[in-house]
ModelCIF file with pLDDT and N, C-alpha, C, O atoms, coordinates in Angstrom:
data_MODEL
#
_entry.id   MODEL 
#
_entity.id                         1 
_entity.type                       polymer 
_entity.pdbx_number_of_molecules   1 
#
_entity_poly.entity_id                      1 
_entity_poly.type                           'polypeptide(L)' 
_entity_poly.nstd_linkage                   no 
_entity_poly.nstd_monomer                   no 
_entity_poly.pdbx_seq_one_letter_code       YCWLVTAWLALRVFLRHGFDAIQACNPPDTFFALALGF 
_entity_poly.pdbx_seq_one_letter_code_can   YCWLVTAWLALRVFLRHGFDAIQACNPPDTFFALALGF 
_entity_poly.pdbx_strand_id                 A 
#
loop_
_entity_poly_seq.entity_id 
_entity_poly_seq.num 
_entity_poly_seq.mon_id 
_entity_poly_seq.hetero 
1 1  TYR n 
1 2  CYS n 
1 3  TRP n 
1 4  LEU n 
1 5  VAL n 
1 6  THR n 
1 7  ALA n 
1 8  TRP n 
1 9  LEU n 
1 10 ALA n 
1 11 LEU n 
1 12 ARG n 
1 13 VAL n 
1 14 PHE n 
1 15 LEU n 
1 16 ARG n 
1 17 HIS n 
1 18 GLY n 
1 19 PHE n 
1 20 ASP n 
1 21 ALA n 
1 22 ILE n 
1 23 GLN n 
1 24 ALA n 
1 25 CYS n 
1 26 ASN n 
1 27 PRO n 
1 28 PRO n 
1 29 ASP n 
1 30 THR n 
1 31 PHE n 
1 32 PHE n 
1 33 ALA n 
1 34 LEU n 
1 35 ALA n 
1 36 LEU n 
1 37 GLY n 
1 38 PHE n 
#
_struct_asym.id          A 
_struct_asym.entity_id   1 
#
loop_
_ma_qa_metric.id 
_ma_qa_metric.mode 
_ma_qa_metric.name 
_ma_qa_metric.software_group_id 
_ma_qa_metric.type 
1 global pLDDT . pLDDT 
2 local  pLDDT . pLDDT 
#
_ma_qa_metric_global.metric_id      1 
_ma_qa_metric_global.metric_value   94.66 
_ma_qa_metric_global.model_id       1 
_ma_qa_metric_global.ordinal_id     1 
#
loop_
_ma_qa_metric_local.label_asym_id 
_ma_qa_metric_local.label_comp_id 
_ma_qa_metric_local.label_seq_id 
_ma_qa_metric_local.metric_id 
_ma_qa_metric_local.metric_value 
_ma_qa_metric_local.model_id 
_ma_qa_metric_local.ordinal_id 
A TYR 1  2 92.00 1 1  
A CYS 2  2 93.00 1 2  
A TRP 3  2 94.00 1 3  
A LEU 4  2 95.00 1 4  
A VAL 5  2 96.00 1 5  
A THR 6  2 96.00 1 6  
A ALA 7  2 96.00 1 7  
A TRP 8  2 96.00 1 8  
A LEU 9  2 97.00 1 9  
A ALA 10 2 97.00 1 10 
A LEU 11 2 96.00 1 11 
A ARG 12 2 96.00 1 12 
A VAL 13 2 96.00 1 13 
A PHE 14 2 96.00 1 14 
A LEU 15 2 94.00 1 15 
A ARG 16 2 93.00 1 16 
A HIS 17 2 92.00 1 17 
A GLY 18 2 92.00 1 18 
A PHE 19 2 95.00 1 19 
A ASP 20 2 95.00 1 20 
A ALA 21 2 96.00 1 21 
A ILE 22 2 97.00 1 22 
A GLN 23 2 98.00 1 23 
A ALA 24 2 97.00 1 24 
A CYS 25 2 96.00 1 25 
A ASN 26 2 91.00 1 26 
A PRO 27 2 90.00 1 27 
A PRO 28 2 91.00 1 28 
A ASP 29 2 94.00 1 29 
A THR 30 2 94.00 1 30 
A PHE 31 2 96.00 1 31 
A PHE 32 2 96.00 1 32 
A ALA 33 2 94.00 1 33 
A LEU 34 2 95.00 1 34 
A ALA 35 2 95.00 1 35 
A LEU 36 2 94.00 1 36 
A GLY 37 2 91.00 1 37 
A PHE 38 2 95.00 1 38 
#
loop_
_atom_site.group_PDB 
_atom_site.id 
_atom_site.type_symbol 
_atom_site.label_atom_id 
_atom_site.label_alt_id 
_atom_site.label_comp_id 
_atom_site.label_asym_id 
_atom_site.label_entity_id 
_atom_site.label_seq_id 
_atom_site.pdbx_PDB_ins_code 
_atom_site.Cartn_x 
_atom_site.Cartn_y 
_atom_site.Cartn_z 
_atom_site.occupancy 
_atom_site.B_iso_or_equiv 
_atom_site.pdbx_formal_charge 
_atom_site.auth_seq_id 
_atom_site.auth_comp_id 
_atom_site.auth_asym_id 
_atom_site.auth_atom_id 
_atom_site.pdbx_PDB_model_num 
ATOM 1   N N  . TYR A 1 1  ? -3.092  -7.492 11.783 1.00 92.00 ? 1  TYR A N  1 
ATOM 2   C CA . TYR A 1 1  ? -2.389  -6.547 10.923 1.00 92.00 ? 1  TYR A CA 1 
ATOM 3   C C  . TYR A 1 1  ? -2.060  -5.233 11.571 1.00 92.00 ? 1  TYR A C  1 
ATOM 4   O O  . TYR A 1 1  ? -0.936  -4.746 11.451 1.00 92.00 ? 1  TYR A O  1 
ATOM 5   N N  . CYS A 1 2  ? -3.095  -4.600 12.309 1.00 93.00 ? 2  CYS A N  1 
ATOM 6   C CA . CYS A 1 2  ? -2.852  -3.325 12.829 1.00 93.00 ? 2  CYS A CA 1 
ATOM 7   C C  . CYS A 1 2  ? -1.905  -3.369 14.029 1.00 93.00 ? 2  CYS A C  1 
ATOM 8   O O  . CYS A 1 2  ? -1.094  -2.469 14.244 1.00 93.00 ? 2  CYS A O  1 
ATOM 9   N N  . TRP A 1 3  ? -2.043  -4.490 14.832 1.00 94.00 ? 3  TRP A N  1 
ATOM 10  C CA . TRP A 1 3  ? -1.250  -4.740 16.012 1.00 94.00 ? 3  TRP A CA 1 
ATOM 11  C C  . TRP A 1 3  ? 0.283   -4.753 15.582 1.00 94.00 ? 3  TRP A C  1 
ATOM 12  O O  . TRP A 1 3  ? 1.167   -4.080 16.113 1.00 94.00 ? 3  TRP A O  1 
ATOM 13  N N  . LEU A 1 4  ? 0.429   -5.599 14.572 1.00 95.00 ? 4  LEU A N  1 
ATOM 14  C CA . LEU A 1 4  ? 1.924   -5.783 14.187 1.00 95.00 ? 4  LEU A CA 1 
ATOM 15  C C  . LEU A 1 4  ? 2.471   -4.532 13.601 1.00 95.00 ? 4  LEU A C  1 
ATOM 16  O O  . LEU A 1 4  ? 3.588   -4.163 13.964 1.00 95.00 ? 4  LEU A O  1 
ATOM 17  N N  . VAL A 1 5  ? 1.807   -3.854 12.746 1.00 96.00 ? 5  VAL A N  1 
ATOM 18  C CA . VAL A 1 5  ? 2.339   -2.647 12.160 1.00 96.00 ? 5  VAL A CA 1 
ATOM 19  C C  . VAL A 1 5  ? 2.541   -1.569 13.303 1.00 96.00 ? 5  VAL A C  1 
ATOM 20  O O  . VAL A 1 5  ? 3.547   -0.860 13.266 1.00 96.00 ? 5  VAL A O  1 
ATOM 21  N N  . THR A 1 6  ? 1.550   -1.419 14.386 1.00 96.00 ? 6  THR A N  1 
ATOM 22  C CA . THR A 1 6  ? 1.622   -0.603 15.361 1.00 96.00 ? 6  THR A CA 1 
ATOM 23  C C  . THR A 1 6  ? 2.932   -0.971 16.225 1.00 96.00 ? 6  THR A C  1 
ATOM 24  O O  . THR A 1 6  ? 3.699   -0.092 16.618 1.00 96.00 ? 6  THR A O  1 
ATOM 25  N N  . ALA A 1 7  ? 3.106   -2.190 16.459 1.00 96.00 ? 7  ALA A N  1 
ATOM 26  C CA . ALA A 1 7  ? 4.407   -2.624 17.125 1.00 96.00 ? 7  ALA A CA 1 
ATOM 27  C C  . ALA A 1 7  ? 5.617   -2.236 16.571 1.00 96.00 ? 7  ALA A C  1 
ATOM 28  O O  . ALA A 1 7  ? 6.531   -1.812 17.277 1.00 96.00 ? 7  ALA A O  1 
ATOM 29  N N  . TRP A 1 8  ? 5.715   -2.364 15.163 1.00 96.00 ? 8  TRP A N  1 
ATOM 30  C CA . TRP A 1 8  ? 6.869   -1.972 14.464 1.00 96.00 ? 8  TRP A CA 1 
ATOM 31  C C  . TRP A 1 8  ? 7.181   -0.427 14.517 1.00 96.00 ? 8  TRP A C  1 
ATOM 32  O O  . TRP A 1 8  ? 8.322   0.022  14.624 1.00 96.00 ? 8  TRP A O  1 
ATOM 33  N N  . LEU A 1 9  ? 6.041   0.331  14.432 1.00 97.00 ? 9  LEU A N  1 
ATOM 34  C CA . LEU A 1 9  ? 6.145   1.843  14.380 1.00 97.00 ? 9  LEU A CA 1 
ATOM 35  C C  . LEU A 1 9  ? 6.472   2.243  15.867 1.00 97.00 ? 9  LEU A C  1 
ATOM 36  O O  . LEU A 1 9  ? 7.223   3.183  16.129 1.00 97.00 ? 9  LEU A O  1 
ATOM 37  N N  . ALA A 1 10 ? 5.866   1.476  16.810 1.00 97.00 ? 10 ALA A N  1 
ATOM 38  C CA . ALA A 1 10 ? 6.261   1.872  18.124 1.00 97.00 ? 10 ALA A CA 1 
ATOM 39  C C  . ALA A 1 10 ? 7.808   1.720  18.523 1.00 97.00 ? 10 ALA A C  1 
ATOM 40  O O  . ALA A 1 10 ? 8.417   2.573  19.168 1.00 97.00 ? 10 ALA A O  1 
ATOM 41  N N  . LEU A 1 11 ? 8.296   0.662  18.109 1.00 96.00 ? 11 LEU A N  1 
ATOM 42  C CA . LEU A 1 11 ? 9.780   0.551  18.174 1.00 96.00 ? 11 LEU A CA 1 
ATOM 43  C C  . LEU A 1 11 ? 10.426  1.674  17.438 1.00 96.00 ? 11 LEU A C  1 
ATOM 44  O O  . LEU A 1 11 ? 11.313  2.305  18.013 1.00 96.00 ? 11 LEU A O  1 
ATOM 45  N N  . ARG A 1 12 ? 10.082  1.978  16.262 1.00 96.00 ? 12 ARG A N  1 
ATOM 46  C CA . ARG A 1 12 ? 10.800  3.182  15.625 1.00 96.00 ? 12 ARG A CA 1 
ATOM 47  C C  . ARG A 1 12 ? 10.588  4.480  16.491 1.00 96.00 ? 12 ARG A C  1 
ATOM 48  O O  . ARG A 1 12 ? 11.541  5.227  16.714 1.00 96.00 ? 12 ARG A O  1 
ATOM 49  N N  . VAL A 1 13 ? 9.431   4.717  16.936 1.00 96.00 ? 13 VAL A N  1 
ATOM 50  C CA . VAL A 1 13 ? 9.365   5.878  17.736 1.00 96.00 ? 13 VAL A CA 1 
ATOM 51  C C  . VAL A 1 13 ? 10.124  5.781  19.001 1.00 96.00 ? 13 VAL A C  1 
ATOM 52  O O  . VAL A 1 13 ? 10.675  6.800  19.417 1.00 96.00 ? 13 VAL A O  1 
ATOM 53  N N  . PHE A 1 14 ? 10.217  4.691  19.650 1.00 96.00 ? 14 PHE A N  1 
ATOM 54  C CA . PHE A 1 14 ? 11.084  4.578  20.844 1.00 96.00 ? 14 PHE A CA 1 
ATOM 55  C C  . PHE A 1 14 ? 12.455  4.742  20.545 1.00 96.00 ? 14 PHE A C  1 
ATOM 56  O O  . PHE A 1 14 ? 13.174  5.382  21.312 1.00 96.00 ? 14 PHE A O  1 
ATOM 57  N N  . LEU A 1 15 ? 12.933  4.182  19.412 1.00 94.00 ? 15 LEU A N  1 
ATOM 58  C CA . LEU A 1 15 ? 14.387  4.498  19.136 1.00 94.00 ? 15 LEU A CA 1 
ATOM 59  C C  . LEU A 1 15 ? 14.656  5.885  18.620 1.00 94.00 ? 15 LEU A C  1 
ATOM 60  O O  . LEU A 1 15 ? 15.752  6.416  18.806 1.00 94.00 ? 15 LEU A O  1 
ATOM 61  N N  . ARG A 1 16 ? 13.687  6.477  17.983 1.00 93.00 ? 16 ARG A N  1 
ATOM 62  C CA . ARG A 1 16 ? 13.807  7.952  17.422 1.00 93.00 ? 16 ARG A CA 1 
ATOM 63  C C  . ARG A 1 16 ? 13.769  8.980  18.391 1.00 93.00 ? 16 ARG A C  1 
ATOM 64  O O  . ARG A 1 16 ? 14.613  9.872  18.482 1.00 93.00 ? 16 ARG A O  1 
ATOM 65  N N  . HIS A 1 17 ? 12.615  8.819  19.231 1.00 92.00 ? 17 HIS A N  1 
ATOM 66  C CA . HIS A 1 17 ? 12.222  9.887  20.280 1.00 92.00 ? 17 HIS A CA 1 
ATOM 67  C C  . HIS A 1 17 ? 12.375  9.441  21.841 1.00 92.00 ? 17 HIS A C  1 
ATOM 68  O O  . HIS A 1 17 ? 12.782  10.125 22.780 1.00 92.00 ? 17 HIS A O  1 
ATOM 69  N N  . GLY A 1 18 ? 11.950  8.159  21.835 1.00 92.00 ? 18 GLY A N  1 
ATOM 70  C CA . GLY A 1 18 ? 11.832  7.678  23.251 1.00 92.00 ? 18 GLY A CA 1 
ATOM 71  C C  . GLY A 1 18 ? 10.472  8.070  23.771 1.00 92.00 ? 18 GLY A C  1 
ATOM 72  O O  . GLY A 1 18 ? 9.917   9.052  23.278 1.00 92.00 ? 18 GLY A O  1 
ATOM 73  N N  . PHE A 1 19 ? 9.911   7.393  24.704 1.00 95.00 ? 19 PHE A N  1 
ATOM 74  C CA . PHE A 1 19 ? 8.674   7.787  25.450 1.00 95.00 ? 19 PHE A CA 1 
ATOM 75  C C  . PHE A 1 19 ? 8.555   7.147  26.791 1.00 95.00 ? 19 PHE A C  1 
ATOM 76  O O  . PHE A 1 19 ? 9.053   6.056  27.070 1.00 95.00 ? 19 PHE A O  1 
ATOM 77  N N  . ASP A 1 20 ? 7.832   7.930  27.639 1.00 95.00 ? 20 ASP A N  1 
ATOM 78  C CA . ASP A 1 20 ? 7.802   7.399  29.041 1.00 95.00 ? 20 ASP A CA 1 
ATOM 79  C C  . ASP A 1 20 ? 6.504   6.837  29.413 1.00 95.00 ? 20 ASP A C  1 
ATOM 80  O O  . ASP A 1 20 ? 6.304   6.259  30.481 1.00 95.00 ? 20 ASP A O  1 
ATOM 81  N N  . ALA A 1 21 ? 5.609   7.027  28.482 1.00 96.00 ? 21 ALA A N  1 
ATOM 82  C CA . ALA A 1 21 ? 4.152   6.324  28.667 1.00 96.00 ? 21 ALA A CA 1 
ATOM 83  C C  . ALA A 1 21 ? 3.698   6.076  27.350 1.00 96.00 ? 21 ALA A C  1 
ATOM 84  O O  . ALA A 1 21 ? 4.096   6.765  26.411 1.00 96.00 ? 21 ALA A O  1 
ATOM 85  N N  . ILE A 1 22 ? 2.816   5.051  27.193 1.00 97.00 ? 22 ILE A N  1 
ATOM 86  C CA . ILE A 1 22 ? 1.943   4.632  26.151 1.00 97.00 ? 22 ILE A CA 1 
ATOM 87  C C  . ILE A 1 22 ? 0.585   4.803  26.638 1.00 97.00 ? 22 ILE A C  1 
ATOM 88  O O  . ILE A 1 22 ? 0.172   4.189  27.622 1.00 97.00 ? 22 ILE A O  1 
ATOM 89  N N  . GLN A 1 23 ? -0.225  5.748  25.868 1.00 98.00 ? 23 GLN A N  1 
ATOM 90  C CA . GLN A 1 23 ? -1.614  5.869  25.949 1.00 98.00 ? 23 GLN A CA 1 
ATOM 91  C C  . GLN A 1 23 ? -2.433  5.046  24.858 1.00 98.00 ? 23 GLN A C  1 
ATOM 92  O O  . GLN A 1 23 ? -2.505  5.535  23.730 1.00 98.00 ? 23 GLN A O  1 
ATOM 93  N N  . ALA A 1 24 ? -3.035  3.863  25.114 1.00 97.00 ? 24 ALA A N  1 
ATOM 94  C CA . ALA A 1 24 ? -3.693  3.254  24.004 1.00 97.00 ? 24 ALA A CA 1 
ATOM 95  C C  . ALA A 1 24 ? -5.113  3.569  24.132 1.00 97.00 ? 24 ALA A C  1 
ATOM 96  O O  . ALA A 1 24 ? -5.708  3.551  25.210 1.00 97.00 ? 24 ALA A O  1 
ATOM 97  N N  . CYS A 1 25 ? -5.647  3.861  22.998 1.00 96.00 ? 25 CYS A N  1 
ATOM 98  C CA . CYS A 1 25 ? -7.114  4.354  22.824 1.00 96.00 ? 25 CYS A CA 1 
ATOM 99  C C  . CYS A 1 25 ? -7.815  2.996  22.167 1.00 96.00 ? 25 CYS A C  1 
ATOM 100 O O  . CYS A 1 25 ? -7.426  2.469  21.124 1.00 96.00 ? 25 CYS A O  1 
ATOM 101 N N  . ASN A 1 26 ? -8.898  2.545  22.961 1.00 91.00 ? 26 ASN A N  1 
ATOM 102 C CA . ASN A 1 26 ? -9.656  1.492  22.400 1.00 91.00 ? 26 ASN A CA 1 
ATOM 103 C C  . ASN A 1 26 ? -10.810 2.139  21.471 1.00 91.00 ? 26 ASN A C  1 
ATOM 104 O O  . ASN A 1 26 ? -11.054 3.345  21.468 1.00 91.00 ? 26 ASN A O  1 
ATOM 105 N N  . PRO A 1 27 ? -11.455 1.230  20.723 1.00 90.00 ? 27 PRO A N  1 
ATOM 106 C CA . PRO A 1 27 ? -11.124 -0.102 20.483 1.00 90.00 ? 27 PRO A CA 1 
ATOM 107 C C  . PRO A 1 27 ? -9.980  -0.198 19.553 1.00 90.00 ? 27 PRO A C  1 
ATOM 108 O O  . PRO A 1 27 ? -9.588  0.742  18.862 1.00 90.00 ? 27 PRO A O  1 
ATOM 109 N N  . PRO A 1 28 ? -9.405  -1.517 19.574 1.00 91.00 ? 28 PRO A N  1 
ATOM 110 C CA . PRO A 1 28 ? -9.769  -2.710 20.285 1.00 91.00 ? 28 PRO A CA 1 
ATOM 111 C C  . PRO A 1 28 ? -8.974  -2.734 21.583 1.00 91.00 ? 28 PRO A C  1 
ATOM 112 O O  . PRO A 1 28 ? -8.156  -1.848 21.829 1.00 91.00 ? 28 PRO A O  1 
ATOM 113 N N  . ASP A 1 29 ? -9.197  -3.684 22.364 1.00 94.00 ? 29 ASP A N  1 
ATOM 114 C CA . ASP A 1 29 ? -8.500  -4.001 23.553 1.00 94.00 ? 29 ASP A CA 1 
ATOM 115 C C  . ASP A 1 29 ? -7.326  -4.887 23.554 1.00 94.00 ? 29 ASP A C  1 
ATOM 116 O O  . ASP A 1 29 ? -7.203  -5.786 24.385 1.00 94.00 ? 29 ASP A O  1 
ATOM 117 N N  . THR A 1 30 ? -6.324  -4.607 22.486 1.00 94.00 ? 30 THR A N  1 
ATOM 118 C CA . THR A 1 30 ? -5.376  -5.661 22.305 1.00 94.00 ? 30 THR A CA 1 
ATOM 119 C C  . THR A 1 30 ? -3.919  -5.049 22.557 1.00 94.00 ? 30 THR A C  1 
ATOM 120 O O  . THR A 1 30 ? -2.943  -5.799 22.530 1.00 94.00 ? 30 THR A O  1 
ATOM 121 N N  . PHE A 1 31 ? -3.786  -3.730 22.794 1.00 96.00 ? 31 PHE A N  1 
ATOM 122 C CA . PHE A 1 31 ? -2.530  -3.192 22.886 1.00 96.00 ? 31 PHE A CA 1 
ATOM 123 C C  . PHE A 1 31 ? -1.827  -3.254 24.187 1.00 96.00 ? 31 PHE A C  1 
ATOM 124 O O  . PHE A 1 31 ? -0.670  -2.870 24.358 1.00 96.00 ? 31 PHE A O  1 
ATOM 125 N N  . PHE A 1 32 ? -2.649  -3.796 25.155 1.00 96.00 ? 32 PHE A N  1 
ATOM 126 C CA . PHE A 1 32 ? -1.873  -4.078 26.400 1.00 96.00 ? 32 PHE A CA 1 
ATOM 127 C C  . PHE A 1 32 ? -0.717  -5.017 26.296 1.00 96.00 ? 32 PHE A C  1 
ATOM 128 O O  . PHE A 1 32 ? 0.246   -4.906 27.055 1.00 96.00 ? 32 PHE A O  1 
ATOM 129 N N  . ALA A 1 33 ? -0.789  -5.970 25.344 1.00 94.00 ? 33 ALA A N  1 
ATOM 130 C CA . ALA A 1 33 ? 0.275   -6.938 25.028 1.00 94.00 ? 33 ALA A CA 1 
ATOM 131 C C  . ALA A 1 33 ? 1.399   -6.067 24.483 1.00 94.00 ? 33 ALA A C  1 
ATOM 132 O O  . ALA A 1 33 ? 2.534   -6.464 24.744 1.00 94.00 ? 33 ALA A O  1 
ATOM 133 N N  . LEU A 1 34 ? 1.291   -5.055 23.838 1.00 95.00 ? 34 LEU A N  1 
ATOM 134 C CA . LEU A 1 34 ? 2.297   -4.215 23.267 1.00 95.00 ? 34 LEU A CA 1 
ATOM 135 C C  . LEU A 1 34 ? 3.028   -3.553 24.466 1.00 95.00 ? 34 LEU A C  1 
ATOM 136 O O  . LEU A 1 34 ? 4.247   -3.567 24.639 1.00 95.00 ? 34 LEU A O  1 
ATOM 137 N N  . ALA A 1 35 ? 2.076   -2.957 25.289 1.00 95.00 ? 35 ALA A N  1 
ATOM 138 C CA . ALA A 1 35 ? 2.447   -2.030 26.364 1.00 95.00 ? 35 ALA A CA 1 
ATOM 139 C C  . ALA A 1 35 ? 3.423   -2.978 27.501 1.00 95.00 ? 35 ALA A C  1 
ATOM 140 O O  . ALA A 1 35 ? 4.331   -2.479 28.167 1.00 95.00 ? 35 ALA A O  1 
ATOM 141 N N  . LEU A 1 36 ? 3.063   -4.279 27.550 1.00 94.00 ? 36 LEU A N  1 
ATOM 142 C CA . LEU A 1 36 ? 3.748   -5.122 28.468 1.00 94.00 ? 36 LEU A CA 1 
ATOM 143 C C  . LEU A 1 36 ? 5.209   -5.066 28.221 1.00 94.00 ? 36 LEU A C  1 
ATOM 144 O O  . LEU A 1 36 ? 6.020   -4.893 29.131 1.00 94.00 ? 36 LEU A O  1 
ATOM 145 N N  . GLY A 1 37 ? 5.543   -5.222 26.922 1.00 91.00 ? 37 GLY A N  1 
ATOM 146 C CA . GLY A 1 37 ? 7.090   -5.307 26.588 1.00 91.00 ? 37 GLY A CA 1 
ATOM 147 C C  . GLY A 1 37 ? 7.675   -3.897 27.015 1.00 91.00 ? 37 GLY A C  1 
ATOM 148 O O  . GLY A 1 37 ? 8.767   -3.910 27.583 1.00 91.00 ? 37 GLY A O  1 
ATOM 149 N N  . PHE A 1 38 ? 7.096   -2.772 26.810 1.00 95.00 ? 38 PHE A N  1 
ATOM 150 C CA . PHE A 1 38 ? 7.797   -1.547 27.140 1.00 95.00 ? 38 PHE A CA 1 
ATOM 151 C C  . PHE A 1 38 ? 7.706   -1.297 28.625 1.00 95.00 ? 38 PHE A C  1 
ATOM 152 O O  . PHE A 1 38 ? 8.239   -0.303 29.118 1.00 95.00 ? 38 PHE A O  1 
#
């Protein structure tokens, strides 16, 4: 649930503000998959 909601919000942030880097704070260690796309 958190991964999917975060992915949706990350897309919103990217389109609205843009970003050059993603800093993912664990736990959990799952957001590498989201970072791969960006």
